[in-house]
Amino acid sequence: MSHPVDVHVGKRIRQRRLLLKTTQQQVSDQVGVRFQQMQKYETGKNRVSASRLWDIANVLDVPVSFFFEGLDAQNKGGLAKSDLTLSILHEKEALDLLRAYYAMPKNQQLHILQLIRALSKVA
C-alpha cells in the first residue's frame, strides 16, 4: 500500500511535468530511469529516494520543497484544507482546460465562464 506522502509527491511530479508539457519518457531519460519507473513514481507505487527527487527537481526546474507543498502534517500526509482546490491541477484535463481558457481573448473567456456557471446550476 502506498504512503500518502509518496502519492502526494508523485502527483506533484506529474503536475509539474504536465505543466511543462513534457512526457514521462523525456523526464525519465534526463533523470536516468526507465519511463515505467517514472510512472510508478507519479502514482506513488514506488517511493522516490532523496537523490532521485533532487534529480527530478532539477529536470523539472523546481526546488525539492515544491513536491511537499500542500501536505498537512497534522492530517497524516493528506492535503491541507486550503490546498484541496489546488489538487484539481493534478488532472491533465483540468490543465488542458486552463491552458485553452487563457489562450482565448478576454471577451471569449467571459462568455465561457458565464456558460460554465449556467451549466453547473442546471446539473
Protein backbone atom coordinates (compact mmCIF):
# COMPACT_ATOMS: atom_id res chain seq x y z
CA MET A 1 0.00 0.00 0.00
CA SER A 2 1.31 3.43 -0.95
CA HIS A 3 2.06 6.00 1.72
CA PRO A 4 0.04 9.24 1.35
CA VAL A 5 3.21 11.33 1.18
CA ASP A 6 4.57 9.21 -1.68
CA VAL A 7 1.27 9.62 -3.54
CA HIS A 8 1.34 13.39 -2.96
CA VAL A 9 4.94 13.70 -4.17
CA GLY A 10 4.08 11.64 -7.25
CA LYS A 11 1.10 13.85 -8.03
CA ARG A 12 3.27 16.93 -7.73
CA ILE A 13 5.83 15.39 -10.11
CA ARG A 14 3.05 14.67 -12.62
CA GLN A 15 1.53 18.12 -12.19
CA ARG A 16 4.82 19.87 -12.90
CA ARG A 17 5.63 17.58 -15.83
CA LEU A 18 2.25 18.27 -17.43
CA LEU A 19 2.60 21.98 -16.81
CA LEU A 20 5.89 21.89 -18.73
CA LYS A 21 4.22 19.83 -21.50
CA THR A 22 6.82 17.10 -21.30
CA THR A 23 6.40 13.34 -21.38
CA GLN A 24 7.30 10.72 -18.81
CA GLN A 25 9.82 9.39 -21.32
CA GLN A 26 11.55 12.76 -21.64
CA VAL A 27 11.81 13.23 -17.88
CA SER A 28 12.92 9.65 -17.26
CA ASP A 29 15.62 9.95 -19.94
CA GLN A 30 17.01 13.07 -18.27
CA VAL A 31 16.81 11.55 -14.79
CA GLY A 32 18.31 8.23 -15.89
CA VAL A 33 15.46 5.81 -15.17
CA ARG A 34 13.06 3.85 -17.35
CA PHE A 35 9.76 5.51 -18.09
CA GLN A 36 7.94 2.70 -16.25
CA GLN A 37 9.80 3.75 -13.12
CA MET A 38 8.66 7.33 -13.65
CA GLN A 39 5.09 6.04 -13.93
CA LYS A 40 5.49 4.29 -10.58
CA TYR A 41 6.89 7.47 -9.02
CA GLU A 42 3.96 9.51 -10.31
CA THR A 43 1.37 7.08 -8.94
CA GLY A 44 3.15 6.72 -5.60
CA LYS A 45 3.64 2.98 -6.11
CA ASN A 46 7.38 3.45 -5.73
CA ARG A 47 8.95 5.80 -3.22
CA VAL A 48 11.32 8.41 -4.67
CA SER A 49 14.72 8.48 -2.96
CA ALA A 50 16.16 11.81 -1.86
CA SER A 51 18.85 11.80 -4.55
CA ARG A 52 16.36 10.85 -7.27
CA LEU A 53 13.96 13.57 -6.09
CA TRP A 54 16.84 16.02 -6.32
CA ASP A 55 17.45 14.95 -9.94
CA ILE A 56 13.74 15.19 -10.79
CA ALA A 57 13.55 18.66 -9.24
CA ASN A 58 16.47 19.80 -11.37
CA VAL A 59 14.92 18.39 -14.55
CA LEU A 60 11.54 19.98 -13.77
CA ASP A 61 13.20 23.23 -12.66
CA VAL A 62 11.65 23.44 -9.19
CA PRO A 63 13.06 23.30 -5.66
CA VAL A 64 12.72 19.95 -3.88
CA SER A 65 10.31 21.61 -1.45
CA PHE A 66 7.83 22.01 -4.34
CA PHE A 67 6.96 18.32 -4.11
CA PHE A 68 5.92 18.64 -0.47
CA GLU A 69 3.84 21.81 -0.78
CA GLY A 70 0.27 21.26 0.28
CA LEU A 71 0.96 18.46 2.71
CA ASP A 72 -0.65 18.78 6.10
CA ALA A 73 1.43 17.04 8.76
CA GLN A 74 -1.49 17.21 11.17
CA ASN A 75 -3.60 15.27 8.66
CA LYS A 76 -1.09 12.39 8.34
CA GLY A 77 0.12 13.33 4.88
CA GLY A 78 -3.19 14.48 3.47
CA LEU A 79 -3.88 17.75 1.79
CA ALA A 80 -4.39 20.80 3.91
CA LYS A 81 -7.93 22.17 3.60
CA SER A 82 -6.63 25.29 1.91
CA ASP A 83 -4.91 23.17 -0.76
CA LEU A 84 -7.86 20.99 -1.75
CA THR A 85 -8.68 23.32 -4.63
CA LEU A 86 -5.12 23.07 -5.92
CA SER A 87 -5.37 19.29 -6.04
CA ILE A 88 -7.58 19.58 -9.13
CA LEU A 89 -4.50 20.72 -11.03
CA HIS A 90 -3.19 17.17 -10.80
CA GLU A 91 -5.68 16.23 -13.51
CA LYS A 92 -4.48 16.53 -17.11
CA GLU A 93 -7.92 17.61 -18.31
CA ALA A 94 -8.01 20.48 -15.81
CA LEU A 95 -4.62 21.73 -17.00
CA ASP A 96 -5.70 21.42 -20.64
CA LEU A 97 -8.88 23.35 -19.86
CA LEU A 98 -6.94 26.13 -18.12
CA ARG A 99 -4.44 26.41 -20.97
CA ALA A 100 -7.24 26.65 -23.54
CA TYR A 101 -9.16 29.18 -21.43
CA TYR A 102 -6.17 31.50 -21.02
CA ALA A 103 -5.34 31.23 -24.73
CA MET A 104 -8.72 32.83 -25.55
CA PRO A 105 -9.33 36.56 -25.87
CA LYS A 106 -10.76 38.14 -22.69
CA ASN A 107 -14.25 38.60 -24.14
CA GLN A 108 -14.46 34.89 -25.02
CA GLN A 109 -13.22 33.98 -21.54
CA LEU A 110 -16.12 35.91 -20.05
CA HIS A 111 -18.64 34.08 -22.26
CA ILE A 112 -17.15 30.68 -21.43
CA LEU A 113 -17.22 31.47 -17.72
CA GLN A 114 -20.87 32.51 -17.94
CA LEU A 115 -21.69 29.31 -19.85
CA ILE A 116 -19.95 27.12 -17.28
CA ARG A 117 -21.70 28.86 -14.41
CA ALA A 118 -25.08 28.41 -16.12
CA LEU A 119 -24.43 24.73 -16.87
CA SER A 120 -23.27 23.99 -13.34
CA LYS A 121 -26.54 25.35 -11.95
CA VAL A 122 -28.54 23.06 -14.23
CA ALA A 123 -26.74 19.89 -13.17
